[in-house]
């Protein structure tokens, strides 16, 4: 009988410790979630500022330079062959218009 009591006590103790361990993990997961949410909320404005003041202007400059290079190449090709190919210039110009106007509406689309 003494062995049976020891086994029951050990099983009960291990069950209680396992249940306690699960309860600690659930409460810790809530803390992690709130920490991540708080960090994201505080970083959101910094992300917007950096993207609006660095990323979009860099893309704009790259596209403007590429547009002028393509226009120069179009002129040289016209002088050489007498044909005009407007498609690459139209695509680059469309991309330039998109990146110039993107800061006005992109944050509403993303939901920030």
Protein backbone atom coordinates (compact mmCIF):
# COMPACT_ATOMS: atom_id res chain seq x y z
CA UNK A 1 0.00 0.00 0.00
CA UNK A 2 2.86 2.35 0.72
CA UNK A 3 4.15 2.06 -2.86
CA UNK A 4 0.71 2.82 -4.27
CA UNK A 5 0.44 6.00 -2.18
CA UNK A 6 3.88 7.13 -3.37
CA UNK A 7 2.93 6.56 -7.03
CA UNK A 8 -0.36 8.43 -6.64
CA UNK A 9 1.39 11.29 -4.87
CA UNK A 10 4.08 11.45 -7.57
CA UNK A 11 1.48 11.37 -10.35
CA UNK A 12 -0.55 14.09 -8.63
CA UNK A 13 2.51 16.27 -8.05
CA UNK A 14 3.72 15.91 -11.64
CA UNK A 15 0.22 16.69 -12.97
CA UNK A 16 0.03 19.85 -10.86
CA UNK A 17 3.49 20.99 -11.95
CA UNK A 18 2.60 20.36 -15.62
CA UNK A 19 -0.64 22.34 -15.27
CA UNK A 20 1.25 25.17 -13.55
CA UNK A 21 3.83 25.20 -16.34
CA UNK A 22 1.08 25.52 -18.99
CA UNK A 23 -0.56 28.35 -17.07
CA UNK A 24 2.74 30.24 -16.97
CA UNK A 25 3.21 29.85 -20.71
CA UNK A 26 -0.25 31.20 -21.47
CA UNK A 27 0.28 34.32 -19.37
CA UNK A 28 3.76 34.83 -20.85
CA UNK A 29 2.38 34.57 -24.38
CA UNK A 30 -0.02 37.41 -23.63
CA UNK A 31 2.88 39.54 -22.40
CA UNK A 32 4.89 38.83 -25.56
CA UNK A 33 1.94 39.70 -27.76
CA UNK A 34 1.40 43.02 -26.02
CA UNK A 35 5.13 43.77 -26.20
CA UNK A 36 5.20 43.13 -29.94
CA UNK A 37 2.08 45.23 -30.47
CA UNK A 38 3.53 48.10 -28.44
CA UNK A 39 6.81 47.96 -30.33
CA UNK A 40 5.03 47.96 -33.69
CA UNK A 41 2.85 50.91 -32.69
CA UNK A 42 5.87 52.96 -31.65
CA UNK A 43 7.88 52.02 -34.77
CA UNK A 44 5.08 52.70 -37.25
CA UNK A 45 5.66 56.45 -37.43
CA UNK A 46 9.42 55.98 -37.81
CA UNK A 47 8.89 53.54 -40.68
CA UNK A 48 6.57 55.99 -42.45
CA UNK A 49 9.05 58.84 -42.03
CA UNK A 50 11.99 56.84 -43.37
CA UNK A 51 10.09 55.44 -46.34
CA UNK A 52 8.60 58.82 -47.25
CA UNK A 53 11.85 60.77 -46.87
CA UNK A 54 14.42 58.21 -48.08
CA UNK A 55 13.04 55.28 -50.04
CA UNK A 56 10.59 57.06 -52.36
CA UNK A 57 12.99 59.93 -53.23
CA UNK A 58 15.77 57.44 -54.05
CA UNK A 59 13.41 55.52 -56.32
CA UNK A 60 12.33 58.79 -57.95
CA UNK A 61 15.92 59.81 -58.69
CA UNK A 62 16.75 56.39 -60.14
CA UNK A 63 13.69 56.47 -62.39
CA UNK A 64 14.36 60.05 -63.55
CA UNK A 65 17.95 59.18 -64.49
CA UNK A 66 16.77 56.03 -66.26
CA UNK A 67 14.09 58.03 -68.10
CA UNK A 68 16.62 60.57 -69.37
CA UNK A 69 18.99 57.79 -70.45
CA UNK A 70 16.17 56.09 -72.35
CA UNK A 71 15.12 59.37 -73.99
CA UNK A 72 18.74 59.94 -75.06
CA UNK A 73 18.89 56.42 -76.44
CA UNK A 74 15.61 56.97 -78.25
CA UNK A 75 17.02 60.07 -79.91
CA UNK A 76 20.19 58.25 -80.98
CA UNK A 77 18.19 55.31 -82.33
CA UNK A 78 15.90 57.63 -84.26
CA UNK A 79 18.89 59.33 -85.87
CA UNK A 80 20.45 55.97 -86.72
CA UNK A 81 17.43 53.91 -87.84
CA UNK A 82 14.58 56.37 -88.16
CA UNK A 83 12.26 54.43 -85.81
CA UNK A 84 10.79 55.32 -82.44
CA UNK A 85 10.07 52.84 -79.65
CA UNK A 86 7.95 54.55 -76.97
CA UNK A 87 7.06 51.53 -74.80
CA UNK A 88 10.11 51.55 -72.46
CA UNK A 89 9.79 55.29 -71.94
CA UNK A 90 6.07 55.00 -71.20
CA UNK A 91 6.70 52.21 -68.66
CA UNK A 92 9.44 54.17 -66.88
CA UNK A 93 7.29 57.31 -66.88
CA UNK A 94 4.36 55.35 -65.41
CA UNK A 95 6.61 53.99 -62.68
CA UNK A 96 7.88 57.48 -61.97
CA UNK A 97 4.32 58.79 -61.63
CA UNK A 98 3.50 55.89 -59.31
CA UNK A 99 6.47 56.51 -57.01
CA UNK A 100 5.87 60.27 -56.99
CA UNK A 101 2.25 59.87 -55.92
CA UNK A 102 2.63 56.76 -53.72
CA UNK A 103 3.28 58.57 -50.40
CA UNK A 104 -0.14 60.22 -50.69
CA UNK A 105 -2.13 56.97 -50.62
CA UNK A 106 0.10 53.97 -49.93
CA UNK A 107 -0.27 54.12 -46.14
CA UNK A 108 -4.05 54.00 -46.44
CA UNK A 109 -3.82 50.94 -48.69
CA UNK A 110 -1.43 49.15 -46.31
CA UNK A 111 -3.46 50.14 -43.30
CA UNK A 112 -0.85 52.00 -41.32
